[in-house]
Structure formats: structure tokens, C-alpha cells
PDB file of N, CA and C in Angstrom:
ATOM      1  N   MET A   1      -1.431 -10.446  -7.516  1.00  0.00           N
ATOM      2  CA  MET A   1      -2.023  -9.125  -7.419  1.00  0.00           C
ATOM      3  C   MET A   1      -1.332  -8.374  -6.280  1.00  0.00           C
ATOM      4  N   CYS A   2      -0.957  -7.123  -6.514  1.00  0.00           N
ATOM      5  CA  CYS A   2      -0.227  -6.360  -5.498  1.00  0.00           C
ATOM      6  C   CYS A   2      -1.169  -5.884  -4.384  1.00  0.00           C
ATOM      7  N   ILE A   3      -0.576  -5.470  -3.287  1.00  0.00           N
ATOM      8  CA  ILE A   3      -1.354  -5.049  -2.121  1.00  0.00           C
ATOM      9  C   ILE A   3      -2.291  -3.885  -2.446  1.00  0.00           C
ATOM     10  N   PHE A   4      -1.842  -2.935  -3.261  1.00  0.00           N
ATOM     11  CA  PHE A   4      -2.691  -1.787  -3.598  1.00  0.00           C
ATOM     12  C   PHE A   4      -3.854  -2.207  -4.490  1.00  0.00           C
ATOM     13  N   CYS A   5      -3.621  -3.110  -5.417  1.00  0.00           N
ATOM     14  CA  CYS A   5      -4.718  -3.618  -6.254  1.00  0.00           C
ATOM     15  C   CYS A   5      -5.764  -4.328  -5.401  1.00  0.00           C
ATOM     16  N   ARG A   6      -5.317  -5.043  -4.383  1.00  0.00           N
ATOM     17  CA  ARG A   6      -6.247  -5.732  -3.487  1.00  0.00           C
ATOM     18  C   ARG A   6      -7.069  -4.730  -2.664  1.00  0.00           C
ATOM     19  N   ILE A   7      -6.465  -3.626  -2.258  1.00  0.00           N
ATOM     20  CA  ILE A   7      -7.203  -2.578  -1.549  1.00  0.00           C
ATOM     21  C   ILE A   7      -8.222  -1.944  -2.486  1.00  0.00           C
ATOM     22  N   ILE A   8      -7.814  -1.656  -3.703  1.00  0.00           N
ATOM     23  CA  ILE A   8      -8.705  -1.020  -4.680  1.00  0.00           C
ATOM     24  C   ILE A   8      -9.895  -1.907  -5.008  1.00  0.00           C
ATOM     25  N   ASP A   9      -9.671  -3.228  -5.147  1.00  0.00           N
ATOM     26  CA  ASP A   9     -10.801  -4.111  -5.490  1.00  0.00           C
ATOM     27  C   ASP A   9     -11.627  -4.536  -4.271  1.00  0.00           C
ATOM     28  N   GLY A  10     -11.206  -4.092  -3.078  1.00  0.00           N
ATOM     29  CA  GLY A  10     -11.981  -4.355  -1.878  1.00  0.00           C
ATOM     30  C   GLY A  10     -11.671  -5.667  -1.182  1.00  0.00           C
ATOM     31  N   SER A  11     -10.716  -6.447  -1.696  1.00  0.00           N
ATOM     32  CA  SER A  11     -10.406  -7.727  -1.063  1.00  0.00           C
ATOM     33  C   SER A  11      -9.471  -7.580   0.137  1.00  0.00           C
ATOM     34  N   LEU A  12      -8.913  -6.384   0.343  1.00  0.00           N
ATOM     35  CA  LEU A  12      -8.060  -6.100   1.490  1.00  0.00           C
ATOM     36  C   LEU A  12      -8.480  -4.756   2.061  1.00  0.00           C
ATOM     37  N   GLY A  13      -8.659  -4.695   3.347  1.00  0.00           N
ATOM     38  CA  GLY A  13      -9.128  -3.471   3.991  1.00  0.00           C
ATOM     39  C   GLY A  13      -8.046  -2.412   4.136  1.00  0.00           C
ATOM     40  N   ALA A  14      -8.480  -1.170   4.203  1.00  0.00           N
ATOM     41  CA  ALA A  14      -7.603  -0.029   4.437  1.00  0.00           C
ATOM     42  C   ALA A  14      -8.478   1.136   4.888  1.00  0.00           C
ATOM     43  N   THR A  15      -7.858   2.103   5.548  1.00  0.00           N
ATOM     44  CA  THR A  15      -8.575   3.316   5.913  1.00  0.00           C
ATOM     45  C   THR A  15      -8.561   4.245   4.708  1.00  0.00           C
ATOM     46  N   ILE A  16      -9.715   4.378   4.074  1.00  0.00           N
ATOM     47  CA  ILE A  16      -9.830   5.208   2.874  1.00  0.00           C
ATOM     48  C   ILE A  16     -10.185   6.623   3.298  1.00  0.00           C
ATOM     49  N   ARG A  17      -9.366   7.588   2.896  1.00  0.00           N
ATOM     50  CA  ARG A  17      -9.571   8.989   3.230  1.00  0.00           C
ATOM     51  C   ARG A  17     -10.360   9.729   2.158  1.00  0.00           C
ATOM     52  N   TRP A  18     -10.206   9.287   0.898  1.00  0.00           N
ATOM     53  CA  TRP A  18     -10.824   9.992  -0.221  1.00  0.00           C
ATOM     54  C   TRP A  18     -10.603   9.153  -1.468  1.00  0.00           C
ATOM     55  N   GLN A  19     -11.496   9.280  -2.451  1.00  0.00           N
ATOM     56  CA  GLN A  19     -11.254   8.615  -3.731  1.00  0.00           C
ATOM     57  C   GLN A  19     -12.070   9.252  -4.829  1.00  0.00           C
ATOM     58  N   ASN A  20     -11.592   9.064  -6.040  1.00  0.00           N
ATOM     59  CA  ASN A  20     -12.326   9.436  -7.245  1.00  0.00           C
ATOM     60  C   ASN A  20     -12.130   8.313  -8.256  1.00  0.00           C
ATOM     61  N   GLU A  21     -12.433   8.556  -9.498  1.00  0.00           N
ATOM     62  CA  GLU A  21     -12.368   7.480 -10.491  1.00  0.00           C
ATOM     63  C   GLU A  21     -10.941   7.038 -10.824  1.00  0.00           C
ATOM     64  N   MET A  22      -9.925   7.879 -10.539  1.00  0.00           N
ATOM     65  CA  MET A  22      -8.547   7.546 -10.903  1.00  0.00           C
ATOM     66  C   MET A  22      -7.625   7.260  -9.724  1.00  0.00           C
ATOM     67  N   TRP A  23      -7.962   7.769  -8.539  1.00  0.00           N
ATOM     68  CA  TRP A  23      -7.068   7.687  -7.389  1.00  0.00           C
ATOM     69  C   TRP A  23      -7.839   7.323  -6.125  1.00  0.00           C
ATOM     70  N   ILE A  24      -7.140   6.679  -5.195  1.00  0.00           N
ATOM     71  CA  ILE A  24      -7.681   6.398  -3.872  1.00  0.00           C
ATOM     72  C   ILE A  24      -6.636   6.861  -2.853  1.00  0.00           C
ATOM     73  N   ALA A  25      -7.085   7.510  -1.788  1.00  0.00           N
ATOM     74  CA  ALA A  25      -6.192   7.989  -0.730  1.00  0.00           C
ATOM     75  C   ALA A  25      -6.413   7.132   0.518  1.00  0.00           C
ATOM     76  N   ILE A  26      -5.338   6.515   0.991  1.00  0.00           N
ATOM     77  CA  ILE A  26      -5.416   5.617   2.157  1.00  0.00           C
ATOM     78  C   ILE A  26      -4.324   5.996   3.159  1.00  0.00           C
ATOM     79  N   ASP A  27      -4.558   5.653   4.426  1.00  0.00           N
ATOM     80  CA  ASP A  27      -3.527   5.860   5.441  1.00  0.00           C
ATOM     81  C   ASP A  27      -2.375   4.889   5.211  1.00  0.00           C
ATOM     82  N   ASP A  28      -1.143   5.381   5.371  1.00  0.00           N
ATOM     83  CA  ASP A  28       0.038   4.522   5.298  1.00  0.00           C
ATOM     84  C   ASP A  28       0.094   3.678   6.567  1.00  0.00           C
ATOM     85  N   ILE A  29       0.378   2.388   6.427  1.00  0.00           N
ATOM     86  CA  ILE A  29       0.410   1.514   7.603  1.00  0.00           C
ATOM     87  C   ILE A  29       1.706   1.663   8.404  1.00  0.00           C
ATOM     88  N   HIS A  30       2.701   2.336   7.826  1.00  0.00           N
ATOM     89  CA  HIS A  30       3.953   2.634   8.518  1.00  0.00           C
ATOM     90  C   HIS A  30       4.230   4.130   8.392  1.00  0.00           C
ATOM     91  N   PRO A  31       3.442   4.969   9.079  1.00  0.00           N
ATOM     92  CA  PRO A  31       3.542   6.417   8.882  1.00  0.00           C
ATOM     93  C   PRO A  31       4.904   6.992   9.274  1.00  0.00           C
ATOM     94  N   LYS A  32       5.354   7.954   8.472  1.00  0.00           N
ATOM     95  CA  LYS A  32       6.612   8.660   8.719  1.00  0.00           C
ATOM     96  C   LYS A  32       6.357  10.091   9.173  1.00  0.00           C
ATOM     97  N   ALA A  33       5.090  10.427   9.451  1.00  0.00           N
ATOM     98  CA  ALA A  33       4.704  11.762   9.903  1.00  0.00           C
ATOM     99  C   ALA A  33       3.362  11.648  10.609  1.00  0.00           C
ATOM    100  N   LYS A  34       2.953  12.728  11.288  1.00  0.00           N
ATOM    101  CA  LYS A  34       1.662  12.718  11.970  1.00  0.00           C
ATOM    102  C   LYS A  34       0.554  12.349  10.990  1.00  0.00           C
ATOM    103  N   THR A  35       0.575  12.956   9.819  1.00  0.00           N
ATOM    104  CA  THR A  35      -0.329  12.576   8.728  1.00  0.00           C
ATOM    105  C   THR A  35       0.512  11.982   7.613  1.00  0.00           C
ATOM    106  N   HIS A  36       0.203  10.756   7.222  1.00  0.00           N
ATOM    107  CA  HIS A  36       0.915  10.096   6.119  1.00  0.00           C
ATOM    108  C   HIS A  36      -0.116   9.296   5.321  1.00  0.00           C
ATOM    109  N   VAL A  37      -0.518   9.891   4.212  1.00  0.00           N
ATOM    110  CA  VAL A  37      -1.535   9.313   3.348  1.00  0.00           C
ATOM    111  C   VAL A  37      -0.882   8.922   2.032  1.00  0.00           C
ATOM    112  N   LEU A  38      -1.307   7.797   1.470  1.00  0.00           N
ATOM    113  CA  LEU A  38      -0.841   7.373   0.154  1.00  0.00           C
ATOM    114  C   LEU A  38      -1.951   7.605  -0.849  1.00  0.00           C
ATOM    115  N   LEU A  39      -1.632   8.279  -1.927  1.00  0.00           N
ATOM    116  CA  LEU A  39      -2.558   8.428  -3.036  1.00  0.00           C
ATOM    117  C   LEU A  39      -2.137   7.412  -4.083  1.00  0.00           C
ATOM    118  N   VAL A  40      -2.993   6.441  -4.313  1.00  0.00           N
ATOM    119  CA  VAL A  40      -2.665   5.285  -5.140  1.00  0.00           C
ATOM    120  C   VAL A  40      -3.472   5.335  -6.431  1.00  0.00           C
ATOM    121  N   SER A  41      -2.792   5.176  -7.547  1.00  0.00           N
ATOM    122  CA  SER A  41      -3.470   5.107  -8.839  1.00  0.00           C
ATOM    123  C   SER A  41      -4.378   3.887  -8.871  1.00  0.00           C
ATOM    124  N   LYS A  42      -5.615   4.054  -9.310  1.00  0.00           N
ATOM    125  CA  LYS A  42      -6.518   2.907  -9.414  1.00  0.00           C
ATOM    126  C   LYS A  42      -6.160   2.002 -10.588  1.00  0.00           C
ATOM    127  N   THR A  43      -5.356   2.497 -11.504  1.00  0.00           N
ATOM    128  CA  THR A  43      -4.819   1.692 -12.593  1.00  0.00           C
ATOM    129  C   THR A  43      -3.464   1.175 -12.149  1.00  0.00           C
ATOM    130  N   HIS A  44      -3.229  -0.128 -12.318  1.00  0.00           N
ATOM    131  CA  HIS A  44      -1.935  -0.674 -11.911  1.00  0.00           C
ATOM    132  C   HIS A  44      -0.863  -0.242 -12.912  1.00  0.00           C
ATOM    133  N   ILE A  45      -0.013   0.659 -12.434  1.00  0.00           N
ATOM    134  CA  ILE A  45       1.162   1.120 -13.166  1.00  0.00           C
ATOM    135  C   ILE A  45       2.315   0.948 -12.189  1.00  0.00           C
ATOM    136  N   GLU A  46       3.387   0.307 -12.614  1.00  0.00           N
ATOM    137  CA  GLU A  46       4.450  -0.040 -11.674  1.00  0.00           C
ATOM    138  C   GLU A  46       5.113   1.147 -10.998  1.00  0.00           C
ATOM    139  N   SER A  47       5.368   2.225 -11.741  1.00  0.00           N
ATOM    140  CA  SER A  47       6.056   3.374 -11.145  1.00  0.00           C
ATOM    141  C   SER A  47       5.842   4.603 -12.020  1.00  0.00           C
ATOM    142  N   LEU A  48       6.338   5.721 -11.548  1.00  0.00           N
ATOM    143  CA  LEU A  48       6.248   6.958 -12.327  1.00  0.00           C
ATOM    144  C   LEU A  48       6.925   6.791 -13.686  1.00  0.00           C
ATOM    145  N   GLU A  49       7.969   5.994 -13.732  1.00  0.00           N
ATOM    146  CA  GLU A  49       8.696   5.771 -14.983  1.00  0.00           C
ATOM    147  C   GLU A  49       7.823   5.127 -16.063  1.00  0.00           C
ATOM    148  N   GLN A  50       6.859   4.308 -15.660  1.00  0.00           N
ATOM    149  CA  GLN A  50       5.966   3.651 -16.618  1.00  0.00           C
ATOM    150  C   GLN A  50       4.676   4.447 -16.875  1.00  0.00           C
ATOM    151  N   ALA A  51       4.459   5.525 -16.142  1.00  0.00           N
ATOM    152  CA  ALA A  51       3.217   6.304 -16.263  1.00  0.00           C
ATOM    153  C   ALA A  51       3.281   7.189 -17.502  1.00  0.00           C
ATOM    154  N   MET A  52       2.480   6.854 -18.503  1.00  0.00           N
ATOM    155  CA  MET A  52       2.472   7.606 -19.748  1.00  0.00           C
ATOM    156  C   MET A  52       1.162   8.357 -19.979  1.00  0.00           C
ATOM    157  N   ASP A  53       0.206   8.174 -19.097  1.00  0.00           N
ATOM    158  CA  ASP A  53      -1.111   8.783 -19.242  1.00  0.00           C
ATOM    159  C   ASP A  53      -1.101  10.187 -18.640  1.00  0.00           C
ATOM    160  N   GLN A  54      -1.059  11.203 -19.499  1.00  0.00           N
ATOM    161  CA  GLN A  54      -0.987  12.598 -19.063  1.00  0.00           C
ATOM    162  C   GLN A  54      -2.163  12.963 -18.152  1.00  0.00           C
ATOM    163  N   ALA A  55      -3.358  12.516 -18.493  1.00  0.00           N
ATOM    164  CA  ALA A  55      -4.541  12.823 -17.686  1.00  0.00           C
ATOM    165  C   ALA A  55      -4.419  12.223 -16.289  1.00  0.00           C
ATOM    166  N   LEU A  56      -3.887  11.008 -16.195  1.00  0.00           N
ATOM    167  CA  LEU A  56      -3.694  10.366 -14.898  1.00  0.00           C
ATOM    168  C   LEU A  56      -2.695  11.151 -14.047  1.00  0.00           C
ATOM    169  N   LEU A  57      -1.599  11.565 -14.649  1.00  0.00           N
ATOM    170  CA  LEU A  57      -0.576  12.307 -13.913  1.00  0.00           C
ATOM    171  C   LEU A  57      -1.109  13.660 -13.445  1.00  0.00           C
ATOM    172  N   GLU A  58      -1.818  14.363 -14.322  1.00  0.00           N
ATOM    173  CA  GLU A  58      -2.401  15.654 -13.929  1.00  0.00           C
ATOM    174  C   GLU A  58      -3.431  15.452 -12.822  1.00  0.00           C
ATOM    175  N   SER A  59      -4.233  14.423 -12.941  1.00  0.00           N
ATOM    176  CA  SER A  59      -5.232  14.114 -11.930  1.00  0.00           C
ATOM    177  C   SER A  59      -4.563  13.796 -10.593  1.00  0.00           C
ATOM    178  N   GLY A  60      -3.420  13.152 -10.623  1.00  0.00           N
ATOM    179  CA  GLY A  60      -2.701  12.828  -9.388  1.00  0.00           C
ATOM    180  C   GLY A  60      -2.327  14.070  -8.610  1.00  0.00           C
ATOM    181  N   LEU A  61      -1.824  15.079  -9.305  1.00  0.00           N
ATOM    182  CA  LEU A  61      -1.438  16.313  -8.610  1.00  0.00           C
ATOM    183  C   LEU A  61      -2.655  17.072  -8.088  1.00  0.00           C
ATOM    184  N   SER A  62      -3.723  17.122  -8.868  1.00  0.00           N
ATOM    185  CA  SER A  62      -4.917  17.811  -8.369  1.00  0.00           C
ATOM    186  C   SER A  62      -5.547  17.021  -7.221  1.00  0.00           C
ATOM    187  N   THR A  63      -5.402  15.704  -7.230  1.00  0.00           N
ATOM    188  CA  THR A  63      -5.897  14.880  -6.125  1.00  0.00           C
ATOM    189  C   THR A  63      -5.098  15.161  -4.856  1.00  0.00           C
ATOM    190  N   VAL A  64      -3.790  15.334  -4.981  1.00  0.00           N
ATOM    191  CA  VAL A  64      -2.972  15.711  -3.824  1.00  0.00           C
ATOM    192  C   VAL A  64      -3.521  16.995  -3.207  1.00  0.00           C
ATOM    193  N   GLN A  65      -3.784  17.992  -4.041  1.00  0.00           N
ATOM    194  CA  GLN A  65      -4.319  19.263  -3.536  1.00  0.00           C
ATOM    195  C   GLN A  65      -5.661  19.060  -2.840  1.00  0.00           C
ATOM    196  N   MET A  66      -6.540  18.290  -3.445  1.00  0.00           N
ATOM    197  CA  MET A  66      -7.879  18.058  -2.894  1.00  0.00           C
ATOM    198  C   MET A  66      -7.799  17.352  -1.539  1.00  0.00           C
ATOM    199  N   VAL A  67      -6.977  16.317  -1.450  1.00  0.00           N
ATOM    200  CA  VAL A  67      -6.848  15.569  -0.201  1.00  0.00           C
ATOM    201  C   VAL A  67      -6.197  16.450   0.866  1.00  0.00           C
ATOM    202  N   ALA A  68      -5.178  17.213   0.506  1.00  0.00           N
ATOM    203  CA  ALA A  68      -4.527  18.110   1.473  1.00  0.00           C
ATOM    204  C   ALA A  68      -5.528  19.123   2.023  1.00  0.00           C
ATOM    205  N   ARG A  69      -6.365  19.671   1.159  1.00  0.00           N
ATOM    206  CA  ARG A  69      -7.398  20.613   1.618  1.00  0.00           C
ATOM    207  C   ARG A  69      -8.416  19.908   2.511  1.00  0.00           C
ATOM    208  N   THR A  70      -8.866  18.732   2.081  1.00  0.00           N
ATOM    209  CA  THR A  70      -9.858  17.968   2.841  1.00  0.00           C
ATOM    210  C   THR A  70      -9.349  17.631   4.239  1.00  0.00           C
ATOM    211  N   LEU A  71      -8.064  17.319   4.356  1.00  0.00           N
ATOM    212  CA  LEU A  71      -7.475  16.950   5.643  1.00  0.00           C
ATOM    213  C   LEU A  71      -6.989  18.164   6.442  1.00  0.00           C
ATOM    214  N   GLY A  72      -7.150  19.376   5.888  1.00  0.00           N
ATOM    215  CA  GLY A  72      -6.747  20.591   6.594  1.00  0.00           C
ATOM    216  C   GLY A  72      -5.245  20.775   6.714  1.00  0.00           C
ATOM    217  N   LEU A  73      -4.496  20.366   5.694  1.00  0.00           N
ATOM    218  CA  LEU A  73      -3.040  20.409   5.753  1.00  0.00           C
ATOM    219  C   LEU A  73      -2.417  21.640   5.104  1.00  0.00           C
ATOM    220  N   VAL A  74      -3.197  22.426   4.403  1.00  0.00           N
ATOM    221  CA  VAL A  74      -2.643  23.513   3.598  1.00  0.00           C
ATOM    222  C   VAL A  74      -1.945  24.564   4.461  1.00  0.00           C
ATOM    223  N   GLU A  75      -2.577  25.001   5.524  1.00  0.00           N
ATOM    224  CA  GLU A  75      -1.996  26.059   6.348  1.00  0.00           C
ATOM    225  C   GLU A  75      -0.688  25.612   7.003  1.00  0.00           C
ATOM    226  N   ALA A  76      -0.659  24.396   7.532  1.00  0.00           N
ATOM    227  CA  ALA A  76       0.545  23.875   8.195  1.00  0.00           C
ATOM    228  C   ALA A  76       1.628  23.500   7.186  1.00  0.00           C
ATOM    229  N   GLY A  77       1.221  23.170   5.976  1.00  0.00           N
ATOM    230  CA  GLY A  77       2.150  22.731   4.941  1.00  0.00           C
ATOM    231  C   GLY A  77       2.198  21.219   4.839  1.00  0.00           C
ATOM    232  N   TYR A  78       2.595  20.761   3.674  1.00  0.00           N
ATOM    233  CA  TYR A  78       2.688  19.322   3.449  1.00  0.00           C
ATOM    234  C   TYR A  78       3.782  19.028   2.442  1.00  0.00           C
ATOM    235  N   LYS A  79       4.183  17.769   2.417  1.00  0.00           N
ATOM    236  CA  LYS A  79       5.250  17.300   1.531  1.00  0.00           C
ATOM    237  C   LYS A  79       4.705  16.163   0.693  1.00  0.00           C
ATOM    238  N   THR A  80       5.111  16.098  -0.566  1.00  0.00           N
ATOM    239  CA  THR A  80       4.747  14.976  -1.420  1.00  0.00           C
ATOM    240  C   THR A  80       6.019  14.278  -1.889  1.00  0.00           C
ATOM    241  N   VAL A  81       5.938  12.947  -1.995  1.00  0.00           N
ATOM    242  CA  VAL A  81       7.087  12.150  -2.423  1.00  0.00           C
ATOM    243  C   VAL A  81       6.580  11.048  -3.341  1.00  0.00           C
ATOM    244  N   ILE A  82       7.275  10.862  -4.461  1.00  0.00           N
ATOM    245  CA  ILE A  82       7.029   9.714  -5.332  1.00  0.00           C
ATOM    246  C   ILE A  82       8.358   8.974  -5.455  1.00  0.00           C
ATOM    247  N   ASN A  83       8.444   7.806  -4.843  1.00  0.00           N
ATOM    248  CA  ASN A  83       9.635   6.980  -4.959  1.00  0.00           C
ATOM    249  C   ASN A  83       9.515   6.166  -6.252  1.00  0.00           C
ATOM    250  N   THR A  84      10.584   6.173  -7.038  1.00  0.00           N
ATOM    251  CA  THR A  84      10.564   5.456  -8.314  1.00  0.00           C
ATOM    252  C   THR A  84      11.739   4.490  -8.367  1.00  0.00           C
ATOM    253  N   GLY A  85      11.463   3.210  -8.202  1.00  0.00           N
ATOM    254  CA  GLY A  85      12.495   2.180  -8.225  1.00  0.00           C
ATOM    255  C   GLY A  85      13.018   1.858  -6.835  1.00  0.00           C
ATOM    256  N   ARG A  86      13.558   0.663  -6.703  1.00  0.00           N
ATOM    257  CA  ARG A  86      14.068   0.175  -5.422  1.00  0.00           C
ATOM    258  C   ARG A  86      15.148   1.083  -4.841  1.00  0.00           C
ATOM    259  N   GLY A  87      16.031   1.588  -5.702  1.00  0.00           N
ATOM    260  CA  GLY A  87      17.121   2.444  -5.237  1.00  0.00           C
ATOM    261  C   GLY A  87      16.637   3.739  -4.610  1.00  0.00           C
ATOM    262  N   ALA A  88      15.407   4.130  -4.931  1.00  0.00           N
ATOM    263  CA  ALA A  88      14.826   5.351  -4.369  1.00  0.00           C
ATOM    264  C   ALA A  88      13.865   5.048  -3.222  1.00  0.00           C
ATOM    265  N   GLY A  89      13.737   3.777  -2.863  1.00  0.00           N
ATOM    266  CA  GLY A  89      12.898   3.417  -1.731  1.00  0.00           C
ATOM    267  C   GLY A  89      11.502   2.934  -2.080  1.00  0.00           C
ATOM    268  N   GLN A  90      11.214   2.698  -3.369  1.00  0.00           N
ATOM    269  CA  GLN A  90       9.894   2.176  -3.725  1.00  0.00           C
ATOM    270  C   GLN A  90       9.801   0.721  -3.292  1.00  0.00           C
ATOM    271  N   ILE A  91       8.828   0.423  -2.441  1.00  0.00           N
ATOM    272  CA  ILE A  91       8.657  -0.930  -1.905  1.00  0.00           C
ATOM    273  C   ILE A  91       7.561  -1.677  -2.653  1.00  0.00           C
ATOM    274  N   VAL A  92       6.449  -0.989  -2.943  1.00  0.00           N
ATOM    275  CA  VAL A  92       5.334  -1.610  -3.669  1.00  0.00           C
ATOM    276  C   VAL A  92       5.390  -1.134  -5.120  1.00  0.00           C
ATOM    277  N   ASP A  93       5.407  -2.072  -6.050  1.00  0.00           N
ATOM    278  CA  ASP A  93       5.484  -1.741  -7.475  1.00  0.00           C
ATOM    279  C   ASP A  93       4.107  -1.356  -8.013  1.00  0.00           C
ATOM    280  N   HIS A  94       3.642  -0.209  -7.559  1.00  0.00           N
ATOM    281  CA  HIS A  94       2.355   0.351  -7.991  1.00  0.00           C
ATOM    282  C   HIS A  94       2.460   1.848  -7.738  1.00  0.00           C
ATOM    283  N   LEU A  95       2.188   2.655  -8.754  1.00  0.00           N
ATOM    284  CA  LEU A  95       2.333   4.106  -8.657  1.00  0.00           C
ATOM    285  C   LEU A  95       1.539   4.662  -7.482  1.00  0.00           C
ATOM    286  N   HIS A  96       2.223   5.389  -6.604  1.00  0.00           N
ATOM    287  CA  HIS A  96       1.566   6.043  -5.481  1.00  0.00           C
ATOM    288  C   HIS A  96       2.366   7.273  -5.055  1.00  0.00           C
ATOM    289  N   ILE A  97       1.654   8.203  -4.447  1.00  0.00           N
ATOM    290  CA  ILE A  97       2.239   9.462  -3.991  1.00  0.00           C
ATOM    291  C   ILE A  97       2.077   9.522  -2.475  1.00  0.00           C
ATOM    292  N   HIS A  98       3.155   9.795  -1.773  1.00  0.00           N
ATOM    293  CA  HIS A  98       3.103   9.986  -0.329  1.00  0.00           C
ATOM    294  C   HIS A  98       2.730  11.441  -0.050  1.00  0.00           C
ATOM    295  N   LEU A  99       1.780  11.655   0.830  1.00  0.00           N
ATOM    296  CA  LEU A  99       1.375  12.989   1.287  1.00  0.00           C
ATOM    297  C   LEU A  99       1.603  13.019   2.792  1.00  0.00           C
ATOM    298  N   LEU A 100       2.522  13.882   3.221  1.00  0.00           N
ATOM    299  CA  LEU A 100       2.925  13.916   4.625  1.00  0.00           C
ATOM    300  C   LEU A 100       2.787  15.322   5.203  1.00  0.00           C
ATOM    301  N   SER A 101       2.447  15.380   6.496  1.00  0.00           N
ATOM    302  CA  SER A 101       2.383  16.659   7.188  1.00  0.00           C
ATOM    303  C   SER A 101       2.564  16.427   8.681  1.00  0.00           C
ATOM    304  N   GLY A 102       3.272  17.324   9.335  1.00  0.00           N
ATOM    305  CA  GLY A 102       3.466  17.257  10.778  1.00  0.00           C
ATOM    306  C   GLY A 102       4.531  16.278  11.187  1.00  0.00           C
ATOM    307  N   ASN A 103       5.628  16.758  11.777  1.00  0.00           N
ATOM    308  CA  ASN A 103       6.715  15.896  12.267  1.00  0.00           C
ATOM    309  C   ASN A 103       7.205  14.922  11.204  1.00  0.00           C
ATOM    310  N   ILE A 104       7.554  15.455  10.058  1.00  0.00           N
ATOM    311  CA  ILE A 104       7.958  14.624   8.920  1.00  0.00           C
ATOM    312  C   ILE A 104       9.357  14.056   9.139  1.00  0.00           C
ATOM    313  N   GLY A 105       9.461  12.731   9.027  1.00  0.00           N
ATOM    314  CA  GLY A 105      10.756  12.049   9.106  1.00  0.00           C
ATOM    315  C   GLY A 105      11.312  11.829   7.702  1.00  0.00           C
ATOM    316  N   ASN A 106      12.292  10.972   7.586  1.00  0.00           N
ATOM    317  CA  ASN A 106      12.867  10.640   6.273  1.00  0.00           C
ATOM    318  C   ASN A 106      11.922   9.736   5.512  1.00  0.00           C
ATOM    319  N   VAL A 107      11.686  10.080   4.261  1.00  0.00           N
ATOM    320  CA  VAL A 107      10.805   9.278   3.396  1.00  0.00           C
ATOM    321  C   VAL A 107      11.538   8.946   2.126  1.00  0.00           C
TER     322      VAL A 107
END
């Protein structure tokens, strides 16, 4: 079971910022910005390349907006990143979106 699945099922702790039925937002343990939150699909899908559920993908983008508003990031601005595959920097094989704001480094 991957690290994100363990966080979702509660067997591994994480700082949860927000969640709904499809996504959970947690703090990144290796932040690349002042705010670095991961929005993780509650369904185990390896990457964006394997994501075929239109509702899940649409929900992911609206979840990014909701979390950014909740964290007060809209005025300052924020960046989103989805790494797909090892060559693009994906480390955990589970669909997730990086949400970053403030002093953003390379992601």
C-alpha cells in the first residue's frame, strides 16, 4: 500500500488541511514553498496518465480552488503542479496535485 493510501485510510498520520469525498489536502513533508499542500486523490490512481474519470479530474481542479481560498492564497497567487512519471519528478505513484504559494522553489 502506498504512503498516500495509508494516510487516506488513517494508518499513517499527516496534517490534513481539507478533504471531501474524492480528495484530501495534506501538508507536503518536504515543502518547496512557504505553503506546499498536496491534494491527493482518495482513489488510488498511479498518475494523471491513468486518470480516466472525468468527474474526478474536474473535482480535482475545483478542490484546488477551494483549498487555495480556504488557505487565503488567492490574492498572493499560487502555483499548481502535477508530475506525471519518474522523468517529470513523480516520486509517489498516486495521483496528486502540488499547491504552492510564497517563495516558490523548483518543483
